Amino acid sequence: MSEVPTPENGRSKEIDNAKIEFPVTFQLKAVMDSSVTDENNKENISAVLESLEIKNKCTGSKKSSKGTYVSYNYQVTLISKLQLETLYDKLKGVPGLKFAI
């Protein structure tokens, strides 16, 4: 049986060359520290989305098993790569944000 060659990082070349076509709608997940109130977390995320005029809808939230973190899911529609990059840059400044994907 012969081995199939793969890139060193384990990703296929098709994924590396994939392009996002805008406008695009996807699920944004923001994981926040639960020491900040649920209301404040939602307000902080919404403030970033609204400042960038990003069409969005909160689709739910879920606490971690130990209650340390809470994740918020938003359906967002982005119109450009610049808007996508700016969104992630601005989210970095949200108090209590651990990461966003």
PDB file of N, CA and C in Angstrom:
ATOM      1  N   MET A   1       0.856  -1.176   0.000  1.00  0.00           N
ATOM      2  CA  MET A   1       0.000   0.000   0.000  1.00  0.00           C
ATOM      3  C   MET A   1       0.899   1.235   0.000  1.00  0.00           C
ATOM      4  N   SER A   2       0.631   2.195  -0.875  1.00  0.00           N
ATOM      5  CA  SER A   2       1.455   3.396  -0.948  1.00  0.00           C
ATOM      6  C   SER A   2       0.885   4.490  -0.049  1.00  0.00           C
ATOM      7  N   GLU A   3       1.789   5.343   0.420  1.00  0.00           N
ATOM      8  CA  GLU A   3       1.365   6.444   1.270  1.00  0.00           C
ATOM      9  C   GLU A   3       0.902   7.610   0.406  1.00  0.00           C
ATOM     10  N   VAL A   4      -0.111   8.298   0.863  1.00  0.00           N
ATOM     11  CA  VAL A   4      -0.620   9.472   0.160  1.00  0.00           C
ATOM     12  C   VAL A   4       0.117  10.689   0.716  1.00  0.00           C
ATOM     13  N   PRO A   5       0.805  11.442  -0.147  1.00  0.00           N
ATOM     14  CA  PRO A   5       1.519  12.615   0.357  1.00  0.00           C
ATOM     15  C   PRO A   5       0.541  13.711   0.797  1.00  0.00           C
ATOM     16  N   THR A   6       0.833  14.333   1.929  1.00  0.00           N
ATOM     17  CA  THR A   6       0.015  15.433   2.430  1.00  0.00           C
ATOM     18  C   THR A   6       0.930  16.578   2.834  1.00  0.00           C
ATOM     19  N   PRO A   7       0.443  17.807   2.818  1.00  0.00           N
ATOM     20  CA  PRO A   7       1.253  18.926   3.278  1.00  0.00           C
ATOM     21  C   PRO A   7       1.643  18.722   4.736  1.00  0.00           C
ATOM     22  N   GLU A   8       2.757  19.301   5.137  1.00  0.00           N
ATOM     23  CA  GLU A   8       3.263  19.125   6.495  1.00  0.00           C
ATOM     24  C   GLU A   8       2.269  19.564   7.558  1.00  0.00           C
ATOM     25  N   ASN A   9       1.464  20.549   7.271  1.00  0.00           N
ATOM     26  CA  ASN A   9       0.532  21.018   8.278  1.00  0.00           C
ATOM     27  C   ASN A   9      -0.764  20.206   8.330  1.00  0.00           C
ATOM     28  N   GLY A  10      -0.893  19.228   7.470  1.00  0.00           N
ATOM     29  CA  GLY A  10      -2.053  18.354   7.486  1.00  0.00           C
ATOM     30  C   GLY A  10      -3.261  18.867   6.738  1.00  0.00           C
ATOM     31  N   ARG A  11      -3.212  20.094   6.206  1.00  0.00           N
ATOM     32  CA  ARG A  11      -4.342  20.638   5.462  1.00  0.00           C
ATOM     33  C   ARG A  11      -4.168  20.337   3.986  1.00  0.00           C
ATOM     34  N   SER A  12      -5.265  20.184   3.315  1.00  0.00           N
ATOM     35  CA  SER A  12      -5.194  19.952   1.886  1.00  0.00           C
ATOM     36  C   SER A  12      -4.949  21.271   1.166  1.00  0.00           C
ATOM     37  N   LYS A  13      -4.418  21.201  -0.032  1.00  0.00           N
ATOM     38  CA  LYS A  13      -4.157  22.407  -0.813  1.00  0.00           C
ATOM     39  C   LYS A  13      -5.438  23.124  -1.194  1.00  0.00           C
ATOM     40  N   GLU A  14      -6.550  22.375  -1.339  1.00  0.00           N
ATOM     41  CA  GLU A  14      -7.818  23.004  -1.677  1.00  0.00           C
ATOM     42  C   GLU A  14      -8.245  23.969  -0.576  1.00  0.00           C
ATOM     43  N   ILE A  15      -8.032  23.597   0.672  1.00  0.00           N
ATOM     44  CA  ILE A  15      -8.406  24.461   1.789  1.00  0.00           C
ATOM     45  C   ILE A  15      -7.496  25.681   1.827  1.00  0.00           C
ATOM     46  N   ASP A  16      -6.212  25.496   1.614  1.00  0.00           N
ATOM     47  CA  ASP A  16      -5.269  26.612   1.631  1.00  0.00           C
ATOM     48  C   ASP A  16      -5.596  27.639   0.558  1.00  0.00           C
ATOM     49  N   ASN A  17      -6.128  27.206  -0.563  1.00  0.00           N
ATOM     50  CA  ASN A  17      -6.423  28.111  -1.669  1.00  0.00           C
ATOM     51  C   ASN A  17      -7.876  28.590  -1.689  1.00  0.00           C
ATOM     52  N   ALA A  18      -8.666  28.201  -0.680  1.00  0.00           N
ATOM     53  CA  ALA A  18     -10.073  28.576  -0.642  1.00  0.00           C
ATOM     54  C   ALA A  18     -10.215  30.088  -0.474  1.00  0.00           C
ATOM     55  N   LYS A  19     -11.182  30.648  -1.139  1.00  0.00           N
ATOM     56  CA  LYS A  19     -11.471  32.078  -1.071  1.00  0.00           C
ATOM     57  C   LYS A  19     -12.869  32.259  -0.501  1.00  0.00           C
ATOM     58  N   ILE A  20     -13.025  33.299   0.297  1.00  0.00           N
ATOM     59  CA  ILE A  20     -14.343  33.636   0.823  1.00  0.00           C
ATOM     60  C   ILE A  20     -14.989  34.600  -0.158  1.00  0.00           C
ATOM     61  N   GLU A  21     -16.212  34.299  -0.529  1.00  0.00           N
ATOM     62  CA  GLU A  21     -16.951  35.186  -1.420  1.00  0.00           C
ATOM     63  C   GLU A  21     -17.910  36.022  -0.588  1.00  0.00           C
ATOM     64  N   PHE A  22     -17.798  37.325  -0.726  1.00  0.00           N
ATOM     65  CA  PHE A  22     -18.628  38.267   0.028  1.00  0.00           C
ATOM     66  C   PHE A  22     -19.780  38.750  -0.827  1.00  0.00           C
ATOM     67  N   PRO A  23     -20.928  39.042  -0.236  1.00  0.00           N
ATOM     68  CA  PRO A  23     -21.231  38.955   1.185  1.00  0.00           C
ATOM     69  C   PRO A  23     -21.316  37.497   1.646  1.00  0.00           C
ATOM     70  N   VAL A  24     -21.015  37.290   2.932  1.00  0.00           N
ATOM     71  CA  VAL A  24     -21.033  35.951   3.512  1.00  0.00           C
ATOM     72  C   VAL A  24     -21.744  36.016   4.855  1.00  0.00           C
ATOM     73  N   THR A  25     -22.569  35.001   5.126  1.00  0.00           N
ATOM     74  CA  THR A  25     -23.247  34.883   6.409  1.00  0.00           C
ATOM     75  C   THR A  25     -22.692  33.644   7.099  1.00  0.00           C
ATOM     76  N   PHE A  26     -22.303  33.809   8.375  1.00  0.00           N
ATOM     77  CA  PHE A  26     -21.760  32.675   9.119  1.00  0.00           C
ATOM     78  C   PHE A  26     -22.040  32.851  10.608  1.00  0.00           C
ATOM     79  N   GLN A  27     -21.748  31.798  11.378  1.00  0.00           N
ATOM     80  CA  GLN A  27     -21.925  31.831  12.825  1.00  0.00           C
ATOM     81  C   GLN A  27     -20.630  32.302  13.484  1.00  0.00           C
ATOM     82  N   LEU A  28     -20.717  33.402  14.200  1.00  0.00           N
ATOM     83  CA  LEU A  28     -19.603  33.917  14.979  1.00  0.00           C
ATOM     84  C   LEU A  28     -19.787  33.423  16.401  1.00  0.00           C
ATOM     85  N   LYS A  29     -18.747  32.819  16.972  1.00  0.00           N
ATOM     86  CA  LYS A  29     -18.805  32.378  18.357  1.00  0.00           C
ATOM     87  C   LYS A  29     -17.807  33.203  19.145  1.00  0.00           C
ATOM     88  N   ALA A  30     -18.287  33.866  20.196  1.00  0.00           N
ATOM     89  CA  ALA A  30     -17.437  34.656  21.080  1.00  0.00           C
ATOM     90  C   ALA A  30     -17.461  33.998  22.453  1.00  0.00           C
ATOM     91  N   VAL A  31     -16.288  33.617  22.946  1.00  0.00           N
ATOM     92  CA  VAL A  31     -16.191  32.996  24.262  1.00  0.00           C
ATOM     93  C   VAL A  31     -15.727  34.064  25.245  1.00  0.00           C
ATOM     94  N   MET A  32     -16.544  34.252  26.287  1.00  0.00           N
ATOM     95  CA  MET A  32     -16.336  35.329  27.246  1.00  0.00           C
ATOM     96  C   MET A  32     -16.154  34.778  28.652  1.00  0.00           C
ATOM     97  N   ASP A  33     -15.488  35.562  29.486  1.00  0.00           N
ATOM     98  CA  ASP A  33     -15.346  35.259  30.906  1.00  0.00           C
ATOM     99  C   ASP A  33     -16.715  35.451  31.554  1.00  0.00           C
ATOM    100  N   SER A  34     -17.168  34.481  32.313  1.00  0.00           N
ATOM    101  CA  SER A  34     -18.510  34.583  32.893  1.00  0.00           C
ATOM    102  C   SER A  34     -18.567  35.491  34.119  1.00  0.00           C
ATOM    103  N   SER A  35     -17.424  36.044  34.545  1.00  0.00           N
ATOM    104  CA  SER A  35     -17.452  36.983  35.674  1.00  0.00           C
ATOM    105  C   SER A  35     -18.111  38.302  35.265  1.00  0.00           C
ATOM    106  N   VAL A  36     -18.151  38.581  33.955  1.00  0.00           N
ATOM    107  CA  VAL A  36     -18.878  39.739  33.433  1.00  0.00           C
ATOM    108  C   VAL A  36     -20.328  39.290  33.267  1.00  0.00           C
ATOM    109  N   THR A  37     -21.270  40.168  33.573  1.00  0.00           N
ATOM    110  CA  THR A  37     -22.684  39.766  33.494  1.00  0.00           C
ATOM    111  C   THR A  37     -23.077  39.424  32.057  1.00  0.00           C
ATOM    112  N   ASP A  38     -24.066  38.572  31.961  1.00  0.00           N
ATOM    113  CA  ASP A  38     -24.574  38.157  30.655  1.00  0.00           C
ATOM    114  C   ASP A  38     -25.022  39.377  29.849  1.00  0.00           C
ATOM    115  N   GLU A  39     -25.708  40.282  30.501  1.00  0.00           N
ATOM    116  CA  GLU A  39     -26.195  41.491  29.833  1.00  0.00           C
ATOM    117  C   GLU A  39     -25.037  42.338  29.299  1.00  0.00           C
ATOM    118  N   ASN A  40     -23.990  42.522  30.116  1.00  0.00           N
ATOM    119  CA  ASN A  40     -22.836  43.322  29.676  1.00  0.00           C
ATOM    120  C   ASN A  40     -22.079  42.649  28.541  1.00  0.00           C
ATOM    121  N   ASN A  41     -21.928  41.321  28.614  1.00  0.00           N
ATOM    122  CA  ASN A  41     -21.252  40.603  27.527  1.00  0.00           C
ATOM    123  C   ASN A  41     -21.973  40.822  26.214  1.00  0.00           C
ATOM    124  N   LYS A  42     -23.291  40.646  26.217  1.00  0.00           N
ATOM    125  CA  LYS A  42     -24.082  40.829  24.994  1.00  0.00           C
ATOM    126  C   LYS A  42     -24.011  42.268  24.498  1.00  0.00           C
ATOM    127  N   GLU A  43     -24.083  43.228  25.417  1.00  0.00           N
ATOM    128  CA  GLU A  43     -23.997  44.640  25.033  1.00  0.00           C
ATOM    129  C   GLU A  43     -22.644  44.951  24.394  1.00  0.00           C
ATOM    130  N   ASN A  44     -21.561  44.410  24.967  1.00  0.00           N
ATOM    131  CA  ASN A  44     -20.224  44.677  24.438  1.00  0.00           C
ATOM    132  C   ASN A  44     -20.030  44.096  23.042  1.00  0.00           C
ATOM    133  N   ILE A  45     -20.515  42.876  22.830  1.00  0.00           N
ATOM    134  CA  ILE A  45     -20.409  42.261  21.501  1.00  0.00           C
ATOM    135  C   ILE A  45     -21.284  43.022  20.507  1.00  0.00           C
ATOM    136  N   SER A  46     -22.520  43.310  20.904  1.00  0.00           N
ATOM    137  CA  SER A  46     -23.446  44.034  20.026  1.00  0.00           C
ATOM    138  C   SER A  46     -22.913  45.408  19.656  1.00  0.00           C
ATOM    139  N   ALA A  47     -22.243  46.075  20.589  1.00  0.00           N
ATOM    140  CA  ALA A  47     -21.695  47.409  20.317  1.00  0.00           C
ATOM    141  C   ALA A  47     -20.664  47.354  19.194  1.00  0.00           C
ATOM    142  N   VAL A  48     -19.824  46.323  19.190  1.00  0.00           N
ATOM    143  CA  VAL A  48     -18.832  46.169  18.117  1.00  0.00           C
ATOM    144  C   VAL A  48     -19.536  45.910  16.791  1.00  0.00           C
ATOM    145  N   LEU A  49     -20.491  44.998  16.791  1.00  0.00           N
ATOM    146  CA  LEU A  49     -21.207  44.660  15.554  1.00  0.00           C
ATOM    147  C   LEU A  49     -21.946  45.874  14.999  1.00  0.00           C
ATOM    148  N   GLU A  50     -22.604  46.620  15.877  1.00  0.00           N
ATOM    149  CA  GLU A  50     -23.350  47.791  15.433  1.00  0.00           C
ATOM    150  C   GLU A  50     -22.426  48.903  14.946  1.00  0.00           C
ATOM    151  N   SER A  51     -21.264  49.075  15.594  1.00  0.00           N
ATOM    152  CA  SER A  51     -20.332  50.129  15.173  1.00  0.00           C
ATOM    153  C   SER A  51     -19.806  49.878  13.766  1.00  0.00           C
ATOM    154  N   LEU A  52     -19.763  48.611  13.368  1.00  0.00           N
ATOM    155  CA  LEU A  52     -19.296  48.247  12.025  1.00  0.00           C
ATOM    156  C   LEU A  52     -20.464  48.043  11.050  1.00  0.00           C
ATOM    157  N   GLU A  53     -21.672  48.320  11.540  1.00  0.00           N
ATOM    158  CA  GLU A  53     -22.884  48.156  10.734  1.00  0.00           C
ATOM    159  C   GLU A  53     -23.009  46.747  10.167  1.00  0.00           C
ATOM    160  N   ILE A  54     -22.722  45.767  11.031  1.00  0.00           N
ATOM    161  CA  ILE A  54     -22.798  44.360  10.636  1.00  0.00           C
ATOM    162  C   ILE A  54     -24.171  43.818  11.009  1.00  0.00           C
ATOM    163  N   LYS A  55     -24.864  43.324  10.010  1.00  0.00           N
ATOM    164  CA  LYS A  55     -26.162  42.695  10.222  1.00  0.00           C
ATOM    165  C   LYS A  55     -25.930  41.448  11.078  1.00  0.00           C
ATOM    166  N   ASN A  56     -26.682  41.325  12.196  1.00  0.00           N
ATOM    167  CA  ASN A  56     -26.437  40.205  13.102  1.00  0.00           C
ATOM    168  C   ASN A  56     -27.687  39.806  13.866  1.00  0.00           C
ATOM    169  N   LYS A  57     -27.615  38.608  14.436  1.00  0.00           N
ATOM    170  CA  LYS A  57     -28.692  38.095  15.276  1.00  0.00           C
ATOM    171  C   LYS A  57     -28.063  37.138  16.279  1.00  0.00           C
ATOM    172  N   CYS A  58     -28.319  37.367  17.567  1.00  0.00           N
ATOM    173  CA  CYS A  58     -27.831  36.450  18.597  1.00  0.00           C
ATOM    174  C   CYS A  58     -28.677  35.181  18.516  1.00  0.00           C
ATOM    175  N   THR A  59     -28.006  34.042  18.338  1.00  0.00           N
ATOM    176  CA  THR A  59     -28.735  32.784  18.177  1.00  0.00           C
ATOM    177  C   THR A  59     -28.651  31.893  19.405  1.00  0.00           C
ATOM    178  N   GLY A  60     -27.969  32.370  20.464  1.00  0.00           N
ATOM    179  CA  GLY A  60     -27.929  31.585  21.691  1.00  0.00           C
ATOM    180  C   GLY A  60     -26.642  31.761  22.462  1.00  0.00           C
ATOM    181  N   SER A  61     -26.651  31.203  23.665  1.00  0.00           N
ATOM    182  CA  SER A  61     -25.464  31.225  24.509  1.00  0.00           C
ATOM    183  C   SER A  61     -25.419  29.941  25.311  1.00  0.00           C
ATOM    184  N   LYS A  62     -24.214  29.634  25.821  1.00  0.00           N
ATOM    185  CA  LYS A  62     -24.049  28.401  26.586  1.00  0.00           C
ATOM    186  C   LYS A  62     -22.899  28.580  27.559  1.00  0.00           C
ATOM    187  N   LYS A  63     -23.128  28.196  28.817  1.00  0.00           N
ATOM    188  CA  LYS A  63     -22.068  28.250  29.826  1.00  0.00           C
ATOM    189  C   LYS A  63     -21.209  26.995  29.740  1.00  0.00           C
ATOM    190  N   SER A  64     -19.932  27.148  30.088  1.00  0.00           N
ATOM    191  CA  SER A  64     -19.033  26.001  30.124  1.00  0.00           C
ATOM    192  C   SER A  64     -19.418  25.090  31.288  1.00  0.00           C
ATOM    193  N   SER A  65     -18.908  23.870  31.280  1.00  0.00           N
ATOM    194  CA  SER A  65     -19.296  22.896  32.299  1.00  0.00           C
ATOM    195  C   SER A  65     -18.945  23.360  33.712  1.00  0.00           C
ATOM    196  N   LYS A  66     -17.867  24.109  33.879  1.00  0.00           N
ATOM    197  CA  LYS A  66     -17.486  24.611  35.198  1.00  0.00           C
ATOM    198  C   LYS A  66     -18.046  26.003  35.473  1.00  0.00           C
ATOM    199  N   GLY A  67     -18.695  26.606  34.480  1.00  0.00           N
ATOM    200  CA  GLY A  67     -19.290  27.913  34.644  1.00  0.00           C
ATOM    201  C   GLY A  67     -18.313  29.071  34.560  1.00  0.00           C
ATOM    202  N   THR A  68     -17.086  28.789  34.133  1.00  0.00           N
ATOM    203  CA  THR A  68     -16.050  29.822  34.045  1.00  0.00           C
ATOM    204  C   THR A  68     -16.242  30.713  32.832  1.00  0.00           C
ATOM    205  N   TYR A  69     -16.729  30.132  31.744  1.00  0.00           N
ATOM    206  CA  TYR A  69     -16.879  30.849  30.483  1.00  0.00           C
ATOM    207  C   TYR A  69     -18.299  30.705  29.957  1.00  0.00           C
ATOM    208  N   VAL A  70     -18.653  31.625  29.095  1.00  0.00           N
ATOM    209  CA  VAL A  70     -19.938  31.528  28.401  1.00  0.00           C
ATOM    210  C   VAL A  70     -19.684  31.885  26.942  1.00  0.00           C
ATOM    211  N   SER A  71     -20.262  31.098  26.043  1.00  0.00           N
ATOM    212  CA  SER A  71     -20.098  31.378  24.615  1.00  0.00           C
ATOM    213  C   SER A  71     -21.399  31.937  24.066  1.00  0.00           C
ATOM    214  N   TYR A  72     -21.235  32.900  23.161  1.00  0.00           N
ATOM    215  CA  TYR A  72     -22.379  33.549  22.505  1.00  0.00           C
ATOM    216  C   TYR A  72     -22.258  33.289  21.015  1.00  0.00           C
ATOM    217  N   ASN A  73     -23.347  32.877  20.416  1.00  0.00           N
ATOM    218  CA  ASN A  73     -23.383  32.624  18.977  1.00  0.00           C
ATOM    219  C   ASN A  73     -24.191  33.727  18.298  1.00  0.00           C
ATOM    220  N   TYR A  74     -23.598  34.288  17.264  1.00  0.00           N
ATOM    221  CA  TYR A  74     -24.246  35.332  16.477  1.00  0.00           C
ATOM    222  C   TYR A  74     -24.216  34.937  15.015  1.00  0.00           C
ATOM    223  N   GLN A  75     -25.329  35.083  14.347  1.00  0.00           N
ATOM    224  CA  GLN A  75     -25.343  34.948  12.893  1.00  0.00           C
ATOM    225  C   GLN A  75     -25.016  36.329  12.356  1.00  0.00           C
ATOM    226  N   VAL A  76     -23.914  36.430  11.598  1.00  0.00           N
ATOM    227  CA  VAL A  76     -23.477  37.722  11.082  1.00  0.00           C
ATOM    228  C   VAL A  76     -23.359  37.667   9.564  1.00  0.00           C
ATOM    229  N   THR A  77     -23.581  38.797   8.938  1.00  0.00           N
ATOM    230  CA  THR A  77     -23.411  38.921   7.495  1.00  0.00           C
ATOM    231  C   THR A  77     -22.371  40.004   7.249  1.00  0.00           C
ATOM    232  N   LEU A  78     -21.279  39.619   6.602  1.00  0.00           N
ATOM    233  CA  LEU A  78     -20.180  40.534   6.311  1.00  0.00           C
ATOM    234  C   LEU A  78     -20.132  40.817   4.822  1.00  0.00           C
ATOM    235  N   ILE A  79     -19.754  42.054   4.483  1.00  0.00           N
ATOM    236  CA  ILE A  79     -19.777  42.444   3.080  1.00  0.00           C
ATOM    237  C   ILE A  79     -18.395  42.526   2.436  1.00  0.00           C
ATOM    238  N   SER A  80     -17.312  42.446   3.260  1.00  0.00           N
ATOM    239  CA  SER A  80     -15.976  42.545   2.672  1.00  0.00           C
ATOM    240  C   SER A  80     -14.923  41.928   3.590  1.00  0.00           C
ATOM    241  N   LYS A  81     -13.770  41.661   3.021  1.00  0.00           N
ATOM    242  CA  LYS A  81     -12.651  41.143   3.795  1.00  0.00           C
ATOM    243  C   LYS A  81     -12.198  42.174   4.823  1.00  0.00           C
ATOM    244  N   LEU A  82     -12.200  43.438   4.443  1.00  0.00           N
ATOM    245  CA  LEU A  82     -11.815  44.496   5.362  1.00  0.00           C
ATOM    246  C   LEU A  82     -12.748  44.522   6.577  1.00  0.00           C
ATOM    247  N   GLN A  83     -14.046  44.357   6.349  1.00  0.00           N
ATOM    248  CA  GLN A  83     -15.001  44.338   7.446  1.00  0.00           C
ATOM    249  C   GLN A  83     -14.736  43.136   8.366  1.00  0.00           C
ATOM    250  N   LEU A  84     -14.411  41.987   7.799  1.00  0.00           N
ATOM    251  CA  LEU A  84     -14.079  40.785   8.563  1.00  0.00           C
ATOM    252  C   LEU A  84     -12.856  41.034   9.443  1.00  0.00           C
ATOM    253  N   GLU A  85     -11.797  41.583   8.859  1.00  0.00           N
ATOM    254  CA  GLU A  85     -10.571  41.847   9.603  1.00  0.00           C
ATOM    255  C   GLU A  85     -10.793  42.884  10.697  1.00  0.00           C
ATOM    256  N   THR A  86     -11.568  43.922  10.388  1.00  0.00           N
ATOM    257  CA  THR A  86     -11.854  44.968  11.365  1.00  0.00           C
ATOM    258  C   THR A  86     -12.686  44.411  12.517  1.00  0.00           C
ATOM    259  N   LEU A  87     -13.628  43.520  12.212  1.00  0.00           N
ATOM    260  CA  LEU A  87     -14.445  42.896  13.244  1.00  0.00           C
ATOM    261  C   LEU A  87     -13.565  42.189  14.265  1.00  0.00           C
ATOM    262  N   TYR A  88     -12.665  41.328  13.796  1.00  0.00           N
ATOM    263  CA  TYR A  88     -11.823  40.577  14.716  1.00  0.00           C
ATOM    264  C   TYR A  88     -10.864  41.494  15.477  1.00  0.00           C
ATOM    265  N   ASP A  89     -10.375  42.546  14.837  1.00  0.00           N
ATOM    266  CA  ASP A  89      -9.511  43.515  15.534  1.00  0.00           C
ATOM    267  C   ASP A  89     -10.272  44.207  16.664  1.00  0.00           C
ATOM    268  N   LYS A  90     -11.499  44.643  16.390  1.00  0.00           N
ATOM    269  CA  LYS A  90     -12.292  45.337  17.415  1.00  0.00           C
ATOM    270  C   LYS A  90     -12.741  44.397  18.527  1.00  0.00           C
ATOM    271  N   LEU A  91     -13.023  43.140  18.195  1.00  0.00           N
ATOM    272  CA  LEU A  91     -13.430  42.184  19.224  1.00  0.00           C
ATOM    273  C   LEU A  91     -12.317  41.957  20.240  1.00  0.00           C
ATOM    274  N   LYS A  92     -11.063  42.088  19.823  1.00  0.00           N
ATOM    275  CA  LYS A  92      -9.932  41.908  20.747  1.00  0.00           C
ATOM    276  C   LYS A  92     -10.005  42.880  21.918  1.00  0.00           C
ATOM    277  N   GLY A  93     -10.647  44.026  21.738  1.00  0.00           N
ATOM    278  CA  GLY A  93     -10.756  45.030  22.781  1.00  0.00           C
ATOM    279  C   GLY A  93     -11.959  44.869  23.697  1.00  0.00           C
ATOM    280  N   VAL A  94     -12.779  43.857  23.467  1.00  0.00           N
ATOM    281  CA  VAL A  94     -13.975  43.659  24.287  1.00  0.00           C
ATOM    282  C   VAL A  94     -13.566  43.068  25.642  1.00  0.00           C
ATOM    283  N   PRO A  95     -13.965  43.722  26.749  1.00  0.00           N
ATOM    284  CA  PRO A  95     -13.613  43.216  28.075  1.00  0.00           C
ATOM    285  C   PRO A  95     -14.157  41.810  28.298  1.00  0.00           C
ATOM    286  N   GLY A  96     -13.303  40.909  28.781  1.00  0.00           N
ATOM    287  CA  GLY A  96     -13.723  39.547  29.104  1.00  0.00           C
ATOM    288  C   GLY A  96     -13.694  38.578  27.939  1.00  0.00           C
ATOM    289  N   LEU A  97     -13.372  39.051  26.715  1.00  0.00           N
ATOM    290  CA  LEU A  97     -13.332  38.145  25.558  1.00  0.00           C
ATOM    291  C   LEU A  97     -12.095  37.254  25.662  1.00  0.00           C
ATOM    292  N   LYS A  98     -12.299  35.960  25.563  1.00  0.00           N
ATOM    293  CA  LYS A  98     -11.187  35.016  25.550  1.00  0.00           C
ATOM    294  C   LYS A  98     -10.769  34.709  24.115  1.00  0.00           C
ATOM    295  N   PHE A  99     -11.737  34.437  23.244  1.00  0.00           N
ATOM    296  CA  PHE A  99     -11.458  34.275  21.812  1.00  0.00           C
ATOM    297  C   PHE A  99     -12.760  34.319  21.033  1.00  0.00           C
ATOM    298  N   ALA A 100     -12.627  34.546  19.728  1.00  0.00           N
ATOM    299  CA  ALA A 100     -13.773  34.568  18.828  1.00  0.00           C
ATOM    300  C   ALA A 100     -13.416  33.790  17.576  1.00  0.00           C
ATOM    301  N   ILE A 101     -14.342  32.963  17.122  1.00  0.00           N
ATOM    302  CA  ILE A 101     -14.125  32.197  15.887  1.00  0.00           C
ATOM    303  C   ILE A 101     -15.359  32.290  15.017  1.00  0.00           C
TER     304      ILE A 101
END
